[in-house]
Amino acid sequence: VRHYDISDLEPQVACPHNVDNVKPVSEVEGTKVDQI
């Protein structure tokens, strides 16, 4: 059983090339995107 409090969670982004390579959006801001 894992317990979490999400009151301070910030937007998350999974980075290439694995779904568990997750970082807060603040760490990847500014990355240029060609397609959404």
PDB file of all heavy atoms in Angstrom:
ATOM      1  N   VAL A   1       0.861  -1.178   0.000  1.00  0.00           N
ATOM      2  CA  VAL A   1       0.000   0.000   0.000  1.00  0.00           C
ATOM      3  C   VAL A   1       0.900   1.231   0.000  1.00  0.00           C
ATOM      4  O   VAL A   1       1.756   1.381   0.882  1.00  0.00           O
ATOM      5  CB  VAL A   1      -0.943   0.042   1.220  1.00  0.00           C
ATOM      6  CG1 VAL A   1      -1.815   1.296   1.153  1.00  0.00           C
ATOM      7  CG2 VAL A   1      -1.813  -1.209   1.286  1.00  0.00           C
ATOM      8  N   ARG A   2       0.731   2.082  -0.983  1.00  0.00           N
ATOM      9  CA  ARG A   2       1.492   3.336  -1.059  1.00  0.00           C
ATOM     10  C   ARG A   2       0.529   4.490  -0.808  1.00  0.00           C
ATOM     11  O   ARG A   2      -0.572   4.523  -1.352  1.00  0.00           O
ATOM     12  CB  ARG A   2       2.132   3.514  -2.441  1.00  0.00           C
ATOM     13  CG  ARG A   2       3.221   2.496  -2.778  1.00  0.00           C
ATOM     14  CD  ARG A   2       4.584   2.940  -2.302  1.00  0.00           C
ATOM     15  NE  ARG A   2       5.590   1.944  -2.650  1.00  0.00           N
ATOM     16  CZ  ARG A   2       6.419   2.055  -3.697  1.00  0.00           C
ATOM     17  NH1 ARG A   2       6.369   3.130  -4.469  1.00  0.00           N
ATOM     18  NH2 ARG A   2       7.302   1.111  -3.941  1.00  0.00           N
ATOM     19  N   HIS A   3       0.969   5.449  -0.008  1.00  0.00           N
ATOM     20  CA  HIS A   3       0.149   6.610   0.334  1.00  0.00           C
ATOM     21  C   HIS A   3       0.693   7.866  -0.344  1.00  0.00           C
ATOM     22  O   HIS A   3       1.915   8.093  -0.360  1.00  0.00           O
ATOM     23  CB  HIS A   3       0.119   6.799   1.854  1.00  0.00           C
ATOM     24  CG  HIS A   3      -0.492   5.634   2.584  1.00  0.00           C
ATOM     25  ND1 HIS A   3      -1.856   5.523   2.783  1.00  0.00           N
ATOM     26  CD2 HIS A   3       0.073   4.531   3.139  1.00  0.00           C
ATOM     27  CE1 HIS A   3      -2.102   4.395   3.443  1.00  0.00           C
ATOM     28  NE2 HIS A   3      -0.955   3.777   3.675  1.00  0.00           N
ATOM     29  N   TYR A   4      -0.207   8.672  -0.872  1.00  0.00           N
ATOM     30  CA  TYR A   4       0.181   9.897  -1.576  1.00  0.00           C
ATOM     31  C   TYR A   4      -0.731  11.042  -1.155  1.00  0.00           C
ATOM     32  O   TYR A   4      -1.930  10.847  -0.950  1.00  0.00           O
ATOM     33  CB  TYR A   4       0.070   9.724  -3.098  1.00  0.00           C
ATOM     34  CG  TYR A   4       0.954   8.648  -3.681  1.00  0.00           C
ATOM     35  CD1 TYR A   4       0.547   7.316  -3.685  1.00  0.00           C
ATOM     36  CD2 TYR A   4       2.183   8.959  -4.240  1.00  0.00           C
ATOM     37  CE1 TYR A   4       1.353   6.324  -4.215  1.00  0.00           C
ATOM     38  CE2 TYR A   4       2.992   7.980  -4.789  1.00  0.00           C
ATOM     39  CZ  TYR A   4       2.574   6.662  -4.772  1.00  0.00           C
ATOM     40  OH  TYR A   4       3.372   5.683  -5.300  1.00  0.00           O
ATOM     41  N   ASP A   5      -0.152  12.231  -1.069  1.00  0.00           N
ATOM     42  CA  ASP A   5      -0.924  13.461  -0.910  1.00  0.00           C
ATOM     43  C   ASP A   5      -0.619  14.317  -2.130  1.00  0.00           C
ATOM     44  O   ASP A   5       0.527  14.715  -2.352  1.00  0.00           O
ATOM     45  CB  ASP A   5      -0.537  14.198   0.374  1.00  0.00           C
ATOM     46  CG  ASP A   5      -1.431  15.410   0.651  1.00  0.00           C
ATOM     47  OD1 ASP A   5      -1.971  15.988  -0.318  1.00  0.00           O
ATOM     48  OD2 ASP A   5      -1.580  15.783   1.822  1.00  0.00           O
ATOM     49  N   ILE A   6      -1.646  14.584  -2.943  1.00  0.00           N
ATOM     50  CA  ILE A   6      -1.425  15.235  -4.238  1.00  0.00           C
ATOM     51  C   ILE A   6      -1.703  16.742  -4.203  1.00  0.00           C
ATOM     52  O   ILE A   6      -1.755  17.379  -5.247  1.00  0.00           O
ATOM     53  CB  ILE A   6      -2.294  14.578  -5.325  1.00  0.00           C
ATOM     54  CG1 ILE A   6      -3.785  14.663  -4.947  1.00  0.00           C
ATOM     55  CG2 ILE A   6      -1.863  13.140  -5.538  1.00  0.00           C
ATOM     56  CD1 ILE A   6      -4.716  14.193  -6.042  1.00  0.00           C
ATOM     57  N   SER A   7      -1.823  17.289  -3.012  1.00  0.00           N
ATOM     58  CA  SER A   7      -2.199  18.700  -2.889  1.00  0.00           C
ATOM     59  C   SER A   7      -1.204  19.641  -3.557  1.00  0.00           C
ATOM     60  O   SER A   7      -1.582  20.729  -4.013  1.00  0.00           O
ATOM     61  CB  SER A   7      -2.339  19.071  -1.413  1.00  0.00           C
ATOM     62  OG  SER A   7      -3.300  18.246  -0.777  1.00  0.00           O
ATOM     63  N   ASP A   8       0.068  19.230  -3.625  1.00  0.00           N
ATOM     64  CA  ASP A   8       1.096  20.085  -4.218  1.00  0.00           C
ATOM     65  C   ASP A   8       1.654  19.526  -5.522  1.00  0.00           C
ATOM     66  O   ASP A   8       2.714  19.966  -5.993  1.00  0.00           O
ATOM     67  CB  ASP A   8       2.252  20.277  -3.220  1.00  0.00           C
ATOM     68  CG  ASP A   8       1.810  21.015  -1.960  1.00  0.00           C
ATOM     69  OD1 ASP A   8       0.986  21.945  -2.078  1.00  0.00           O
ATOM     70  OD2 ASP A   8       2.263  20.643  -0.864  1.00  0.00           O
ATOM     71  N   LEU A   9       0.945  18.575  -6.113  1.00  0.00           N
ATOM     72  CA  LEU A   9       1.428  17.973  -7.358  1.00  0.00           C
ATOM     73  C   LEU A   9       1.449  19.004  -8.475  1.00  0.00           C
ATOM     74  O   LEU A   9       0.506  19.769  -8.645  1.00  0.00           O
ATOM     75  CB  LEU A   9       0.523  16.809  -7.748  1.00  0.00           C
ATOM     76  CG  LEU A   9       0.954  15.978  -8.965  1.00  0.00           C
ATOM     77  CD1 LEU A   9       2.224  15.195  -8.665  1.00  0.00           C
ATOM     78  CD2 LEU A   9      -0.173  15.028  -9.385  1.00  0.00           C
ATOM     79  N   GLU A  10       2.523  19.031  -9.240  1.00  0.00           N
ATOM     80  CA  GLU A  10       2.578  19.917 -10.408  1.00  0.00           C
ATOM     81  C   GLU A  10       2.400  19.103 -11.671  1.00  0.00           C
ATOM     82  O   GLU A  10       2.478  17.871 -11.654  1.00  0.00           O
ATOM     83  CB  GLU A  10       3.890  20.708 -10.435  1.00  0.00           C
ATOM     84  CG  GLU A  10       5.144  19.951 -10.768  1.00  0.00           C
ATOM     85  CD  GLU A  10       6.339  20.904 -10.979  1.00  0.00           C
ATOM     86  OE1 GLU A  10       6.494  21.420 -12.102  1.00  0.00           O
ATOM     87  OE2 GLU A  10       7.108  21.106 -10.024  1.00  0.00           O
ATOM     88  N   PRO A  11       2.097  19.742 -12.801  1.00  0.00           N
ATOM     89  CA  PRO A  11       1.940  19.000 -14.047  1.00  0.00           C
ATOM     90  C   PRO A  11       3.161  18.123 -14.334  1.00  0.00           C
ATOM     91  O   PRO A  11       4.299  18.524 -14.090  1.00  0.00           O
ATOM     92  CB  PRO A  11       1.788  20.108 -15.094  1.00  0.00           C
ATOM     93  CG  PRO A  11       1.216  21.257 -14.331  1.00  0.00           C
ATOM     94  CD  PRO A  11       1.852  21.190 -12.977  1.00  0.00           C
ATOM     95  N   GLN A  12       2.889  16.924 -14.837  1.00  0.00           N
ATOM     96  CA  GLN A  12       3.935  15.933 -15.089  1.00  0.00           C
ATOM     97  C   GLN A  12       4.081  15.681 -16.587  1.00  0.00           C
ATOM     98  O   GLN A  12       3.116  15.783 -17.349  1.00  0.00           O
ATOM     99  CB  GLN A  12       3.589  14.624 -14.387  1.00  0.00           C
ATOM    100  CG  GLN A  12       3.301  14.756 -12.889  1.00  0.00           C
ATOM    101  CD  GLN A  12       4.549  14.951 -12.065  1.00  0.00           C
ATOM    102  OE1 GLN A  12       5.421  14.084 -12.003  1.00  0.00           O
ATOM    103  NE2 GLN A  12       4.629  16.100 -11.403  1.00  0.00           N
ATOM    104  N   VAL A  13       5.293  15.294 -16.981  1.00  0.00           N
ATOM    105  CA  VAL A  13       5.570  14.957 -18.375  1.00  0.00           C
ATOM    106  C   VAL A  13       6.421  13.692 -18.398  1.00  0.00           C
ATOM    107  O   VAL A  13       7.427  13.596 -17.692  1.00  0.00           O
ATOM    108  CB  VAL A  13       6.324  16.094 -19.101  1.00  0.00           C
ATOM    109  CG1 VAL A  13       6.690  15.675 -20.523  1.00  0.00           C
ATOM    110  CG2 VAL A  13       5.477  17.371 -19.126  1.00  0.00           C
ATOM    111  N   ALA A  14       6.012  12.700 -19.198  1.00  0.00           N
ATOM    112  CA  ALA A  14       6.829  11.508 -19.410  1.00  0.00           C
ATOM    113  C   ALA A  14       7.738  11.770 -20.600  1.00  0.00           C
ATOM    114  O   ALA A  14       7.266  12.112 -21.690  1.00  0.00           O
ATOM    115  CB  ALA A  14       5.948  10.294 -19.668  1.00  0.00           C
ATOM    116  N   CYS A  15       9.031  11.642 -20.386  1.00  0.00           N
ATOM    117  CA  CYS A  15      10.027  11.991 -21.403  1.00  0.00           C
ATOM    118  C   CYS A  15      10.474  10.755 -22.182  1.00  0.00           C
ATOM    119  O   CYS A  15      10.359   9.629 -21.693  1.00  0.00           O
ATOM    120  CB  CYS A  15      11.225  12.659 -20.739  1.00  0.00           C
ATOM    121  SG  CYS A  15      10.789  14.127 -19.765  1.00  0.00           S
ATOM    122  N   PRO A  16      11.004  10.944 -23.388  1.00  0.00           N
ATOM    123  CA  PRO A  16      11.457   9.800 -24.197  1.00  0.00           C
ATOM    124  C   PRO A  16      12.509   8.985 -23.432  1.00  0.00           C
ATOM    125  O   PRO A  16      13.289   9.545 -22.674  1.00  0.00           O
ATOM    126  CB  PRO A  16      12.078  10.467 -25.425  1.00  0.00           C
ATOM    127  CG  PRO A  16      11.482  11.849 -25.459  1.00  0.00           C
ATOM    128  CD  PRO A  16      11.250  12.221 -24.043  1.00  0.00           C
ATOM    129  N   HIS A  17      12.498   7.678 -23.652  1.00  0.00           N
ATOM    130  CA  HIS A  17      11.597   6.885 -24.488  1.00  0.00           C
ATOM    131  C   HIS A  17      10.833   5.872 -23.630  1.00  0.00           C
ATOM    132  O   HIS A  17      10.458   4.794 -24.105  1.00  0.00           O
ATOM    133  CB  HIS A  17      12.390   6.112 -25.555  1.00  0.00           C
ATOM    134  CG  HIS A  17      13.047   6.971 -26.587  1.00  0.00           C
ATOM    135  ND1 HIS A  17      12.340   7.535 -27.629  1.00  0.00           N
ATOM    136  CD2 HIS A  17      14.339   7.364 -26.744  1.00  0.00           C
ATOM    137  CE1 HIS A  17      13.169   8.224 -28.398  1.00  0.00           C
ATOM    138  NE2 HIS A  17      14.382   8.135 -27.891  1.00  0.00           N
ATOM    139  N   ASN A  18      10.582   6.215 -22.360  1.00  0.00           N
ATOM    140  CA  ASN A  18       9.856   5.308 -21.473  1.00  0.00           C
ATOM    141  C   ASN A  18       8.806   6.071 -20.674  1.00  0.00           C
ATOM    142  O   ASN A  18       9.037   7.221 -20.273  1.00  0.00           O
ATOM    143  CB  ASN A  18      10.813   4.598 -20.518  1.00  0.00           C
ATOM    144  CG  ASN A  18      11.683   3.570 -21.228  1.00  0.00           C
ATOM    145  OD1 ASN A  18      11.185   2.614 -21.802  1.00  0.00           O
ATOM    146  ND2 ASN A  18      12.987   3.785 -21.201  1.00  0.00           N
ATOM    147  N   VAL A  19       7.687   5.401 -20.404  1.00  0.00           N
ATOM    148  CA  VAL A  19       6.588   6.064 -19.714  1.00  0.00           C
ATOM    149  C   VAL A  19       6.948   6.384 -18.266  1.00  0.00           C
ATOM    150  O   VAL A  19       6.384   7.306 -17.674  1.00  0.00           O
ATOM    151  CB  VAL A  19       5.303   5.201 -19.784  1.00  0.00           C
ATOM    152  CG1 VAL A  19       4.117   5.933 -19.179  1.00  0.00           C
ATOM    153  CG2 VAL A  19       4.997   4.835 -21.232  1.00  0.00           C
ATOM    154  N   ASP A  20       7.881   5.641 -17.675  1.00  0.00           N
ATOM    155  CA  ASP A  20       8.253   5.925 -16.286  1.00  0.00           C
ATOM    156  C   ASP A  20       9.370   6.960 -16.162  1.00  0.00           C
ATOM    157  O   ASP A  20       9.818   7.265 -15.052  1.00  0.00           O
ATOM    158  CB  ASP A  20       8.630   4.646 -15.534  1.00  0.00           C
ATOM    159  CG  ASP A  20       9.829   3.920 -16.132  1.00  0.00           C
ATOM    160  OD1 ASP A  20      10.263   4.289 -17.245  1.00  0.00           O
ATOM    161  OD2 ASP A  20      10.323   2.969 -15.487  1.00  0.00           O
ATOM    162  N   ASN A  21       9.795   7.525 -17.298  1.00  0.00           N
ATOM    163  CA  ASN A  21      10.795   8.602 -17.287  1.00  0.00           C
ATOM    164  C   ASN A  21      10.046   9.931 -17.096  1.00  0.00           C
ATOM    165  O   ASN A  21       9.958  10.765 -17.989  1.00  0.00           O
ATOM    166  CB  ASN A  21      11.594   8.601 -18.589  1.00  0.00           C
ATOM    167  CG  ASN A  21      12.710   9.638 -18.593  1.00  0.00           C
ATOM    168  OD1 ASN A  21      13.113  10.143 -17.537  1.00  0.00           O
ATOM    169  ND2 ASN A  21      13.207   9.954 -19.772  1.00  0.00           N
ATOM    170  N   VAL A  22       9.482  10.085 -15.900  1.00  0.00           N
ATOM    171  CA  VAL A  22       8.556  11.190 -15.622  1.00  0.00           C
ATOM    172  C   VAL A  22       9.257  12.317 -14.874  1.00  0.00           C
ATOM    173  O   VAL A  22       9.988  12.081 -13.914  1.00  0.00           O
ATOM    174  CB  VAL A  22       7.345  10.680 -14.804  1.00  0.00           C
ATOM    175  CG1 VAL A  22       6.402  11.828 -14.457  1.00  0.00           C
ATOM    176  CG2 VAL A  22       6.599   9.600 -15.581  1.00  0.00           C
ATOM    177  N   LYS A  23       8.997  13.537 -15.329  1.00  0.00           N
ATOM    178  CA  LYS A  23       9.582  14.722 -14.700  1.00  0.00           C
ATOM    179  C   LYS A  23       8.508  15.797 -14.527  1.00  0.00           C
ATOM    180  O   LYS A  23       7.565  15.866 -15.317  1.00  0.00           O
ATOM    181  CB  LYS A  23      10.722  15.275 -15.557  1.00  0.00           C
ATOM    182  CG  LYS A  23      11.886  14.295 -15.753  1.00  0.00           C
ATOM    183  CD  LYS A  23      12.951  14.888 -16.650  1.00  0.00           C
ATOM    184  CE  LYS A  23      14.085  13.883 -16.864  1.00  0.00           C
ATOM    185  NZ  LYS A  23      15.128  14.423 -17.782  1.00  0.00           N
ATOM    186  N   PRO A  24       8.647  16.647 -13.534  1.00  0.00           N
ATOM    187  CA  PRO A  24       7.751  17.811 -13.444  1.00  0.00           C
ATOM    188  C   PRO A  24       7.918  18.677 -14.689  1.00  0.00           C
ATOM    189  O   PRO A  24       9.016  18.764 -15.258  1.00  0.00           O
ATOM    190  CB  PRO A  24       8.236  18.529 -12.185  1.00  0.00           C
ATOM    191  CG  PRO A  24       9.027  17.522 -11.427  1.00  0.00           C
ATOM    192  CD  PRO A  24       9.635  16.612 -12.442  1.00  0.00           C
ATOM    193  N   VAL A  25       6.836  19.322 -15.103  1.00  0.00           N
ATOM    194  CA  VAL A  25       6.893  20.128 -16.321  1.00  0.00           C
ATOM    195  C   VAL A  25       7.961  21.209 -16.235  1.00  0.00           C
ATOM    196  O   VAL A  25       8.557  21.602 -17.250  1.00  0.00           O
ATOM    197  CB  VAL A  25       5.503  20.740 -16.625  1.00  0.00           C
ATOM    198  CG1 VAL A  25       5.121  21.792 -15.595  1.00  0.00           C
ATOM    199  CG2 VAL A  25       5.453  21.315 -18.030  1.00  0.00           C
ATOM    200  N   SER A  26       8.257  21.685 -15.024  1.00  0.00           N
ATOM    201  CA  SER A  26       9.258  22.745 -14.853  1.00  0.00           C
ATOM    202  C   SER A  26      10.647  22.314 -15.320  1.00  0.00           C
ATOM    203  O   SER A  26      11.476  23.156 -15.665  1.00  0.00           O
ATOM    204  CB  SER A  26       9.320  23.178 -13.386  1.00  0.00           C
ATOM    205  OG  SER A  26       9.599  22.072 -12.548  1.00  0.00           O
ATOM    206  N   GLU A  27      10.900  20.983 -15.348  1.00  0.00           N
ATOM    207  CA  GLU A  27      12.222  20.495 -15.759  1.00  0.00           C
ATOM    208  C   GLU A  27      12.360  20.323 -17.259  1.00  0.00           C
ATOM    209  O   GLU A  27      13.466  20.128 -17.766  1.00  0.00           O
ATOM    210  CB  GLU A  27      12.532  19.174 -15.052  1.00  0.00           C
ATOM    211  CG  GLU A  27      12.666  19.295 -13.541  1.00  0.00           C
ATOM    212  CD  GLU A  27      13.113  18.001 -12.880  1.00  0.00           C
ATOM    213  OE1 GLU A  27      13.657  17.118 -13.596  1.00  0.00           O
ATOM    214  OE2 GLU A  27      12.911  17.861 -11.656  1.00  0.00           O
ATOM    215  N   VAL A  28      11.245  20.373 -17.996  1.00  0.00           N
ATOM    216  CA  VAL A  28      11.313  20.189 -19.449  1.00  0.00           C
ATOM    217  C   VAL A  28      10.710  21.370 -20.211  1.00  0.00           C
ATOM    218  O   VAL A  28      10.594  21.338 -21.437  1.00  0.00           O
ATOM    219  CB  VAL A  28      10.613  18.879 -19.882  1.00  0.00           C
ATOM    220  CG1 VAL A  28      11.388  17.674 -19.394  1.00  0.00           C
ATOM    221  CG2 VAL A  28       9.178  18.831 -19.372  1.00  0.00           C
ATOM    222  N   GLU A  29      10.324  22.407 -19.502  1.00  0.00           N
ATOM    223  CA  GLU A  29       9.781  23.602 -20.154  1.00  0.00           C
ATOM    224  C   GLU A  29      10.756  24.135 -21.205  1.00  0.00           C
ATOM    225  O   GLU A  29      11.967  24.115 -21.011  1.00  0.00           O
ATOM    226  CB  GLU A  29       9.551  24.710 -19.114  1.00  0.00           C
ATOM    227  CG  GLU A  29       8.227  24.637 -18.405  1.00  0.00           C
ATOM    228  CD  GLU A  29       8.003  25.872 -17.554  1.00  0.00           C
ATOM    229  OE1 GLU A  29       8.722  26.042 -16.544  1.00  0.00           O
ATOM    230  OE2 GLU A  29       7.124  26.672 -17.895  1.00  0.00           O
ATOM    231  N   GLY A  30      10.174  24.595 -22.307  1.00  0.00           N
ATOM    232  CA  GLY A  30      10.994  25.181 -23.357  1.00  0.00           C
ATOM    233  C   GLY A  30      11.425  24.203 -24.429  1.00  0.00           C
ATOM    234  O   GLY A  30      12.015  24.613 -25.437  1.00  0.00           O
ATOM    235  N   THR A  31      11.124  22.915 -24.256  1.00  0.00           N
ATOM    236  CA  THR A  31      11.456  21.924 -25.279  1.00  0.00           C
ATOM    237  C   THR A  31      10.605  22.172 -26.515  1.00  0.00           C
ATOM    238  O   THR A  31       9.370  22.163 -26.442  1.00  0.00           O
ATOM    239  CB  THR A  31      11.219  20.490 -24.764  1.00  0.00           C
ATOM    240  OG1 THR A  31      11.987  20.282 -23.578  1.00  0.00           O
ATOM    241  CG2 THR A  31      11.592  19.461 -25.809  1.00  0.00           C
ATOM    242  N   LYS A  32      11.244  22.406 -27.659  1.00  0.00           N
ATOM    243  CA  LYS A  32      10.512  22.690 -28.896  1.00  0.00           C
ATOM    244  C   LYS A  32       9.726  21.467 -29.339  1.00  0.00           C
ATOM    245  O   LYS A  32      10.203  20.328 -29.255  1.00  0.00           O
ATOM    246  CB  LYS A  32      11.484  23.111 -30.001  1.00  0.00           C
ATOM    247  CG  LYS A  32      10.788  23.540 -31.299  1.00  0.00           C
ATOM    248  CD  LYS A  32      11.801  23.893 -32.374  1.00  0.00           C
ATOM    249  CE  LYS A  32      11.101  24.276 -33.684  1.00  0.00           C
ATOM    250  NZ  LYS A  32      10.251  23.180 -34.233  1.00  0.00           N
ATOM    251  N   VAL A  33       8.511  21.710 -29.824  1.00  0.00           N
ATOM    252  CA  VAL A  33       7.608  20.632 -30.239  1.00  0.00           C
ATOM    253  C   VAL A  33       7.189  20.851 -31.695  1.00  0.00           C
ATOM    254  O   VAL A  33       6.869  21.975 -32.100  1.00  0.00           O
ATOM    255  CB  VAL A  33       6.360  20.593 -29.334  1.00  0.00           C
ATOM    256  CG1 VAL A  33       5.373  19.552 -29.828  1.00  0.00           C
ATOM    257  CG2 VAL A  33       6.755  20.310 -27.888  1.00  0.00           C
ATOM    258  N   ASP A  34       7.204  19.773 -32.483  1.00  0.00           N
ATOM    259  CA  ASP A  34       6.772  19.847 -33.879  1.00  0.00           C
ATOM    260  C   ASP A  34       5.300  19.494 -34.039  1.00  0.00           C
ATOM    261  O   ASP A  34       4.624  20.001 -34.940  1.00  0.00           O
ATOM    262  CB  ASP A  34       7.611  18.891 -34.741  1.00  0.00           C
ATOM    263  CG  ASP A  34       9.079  19.277 -34.760  1.00  0.00           C
ATOM    264  OD1 ASP A  34       9.406  20.329 -35.347  1.00  0.00           O
ATOM    265  OD2 ASP A  34       9.894  18.543 -34.162  1.00  0.00           O
ATOM    266  N   GLN A  35       4.813  18.592 -33.174  1.00  0.00           N
ATOM    267  CA  GLN A  35       3.428  18.136 -33.304  1.00  0.00           C
ATOM    268  C   GLN A  35       2.847  17.834 -31.933  1.00  0.00           C
ATOM    269  O   GLN A  35       3.534  17.297 -31.057  1.00  0.00           O
ATOM    270  CB  GLN A  35       3.378  16.870 -34.167  1.00  0.00           C
ATOM    271  CG  GLN A  35       1.993  16.243 -34.281  1.00  0.00           C
ATOM    272  CD  GLN A  35       1.973  15.074 -35.239  1.00  0.00           C
ATOM    273  OE1 GLN A  35       2.126  15.246 -36.449  1.00  0.00           O
ATOM    274  NE2 GLN A  35       1.785  13.867 -34.719  1.00  0.00           N
ATOM    275  N   ILE A  36       1.575  18.160 -31.763  1.00  0.00           N
ATOM    276  CA  ILE A  36       0.834  17.779 -30.556  1.00  0.00           C
ATOM    277  C   ILE A  36      -0.323  16.882 -30.990  1.00  0.00           C
ATOM    278  O   ILE A  36      -1.084  17.223 -31.900  1.00  0.00           O
ATOM    279  CB  ILE A  36       0.291  19.009 -29.810  1.00  0.00           C
ATOM    280  CG1 ILE A  36       1.458  19.838 -29.241  1.00  0.00           C
ATOM    281  CG2 ILE A  36      -0.654  18.588 -28.687  1.00  0.00           C
ATOM    282  CD1 ILE A  36       1.025  21.127 -28.571  1.00  0.00           C
TER     283      ILE A  36
END
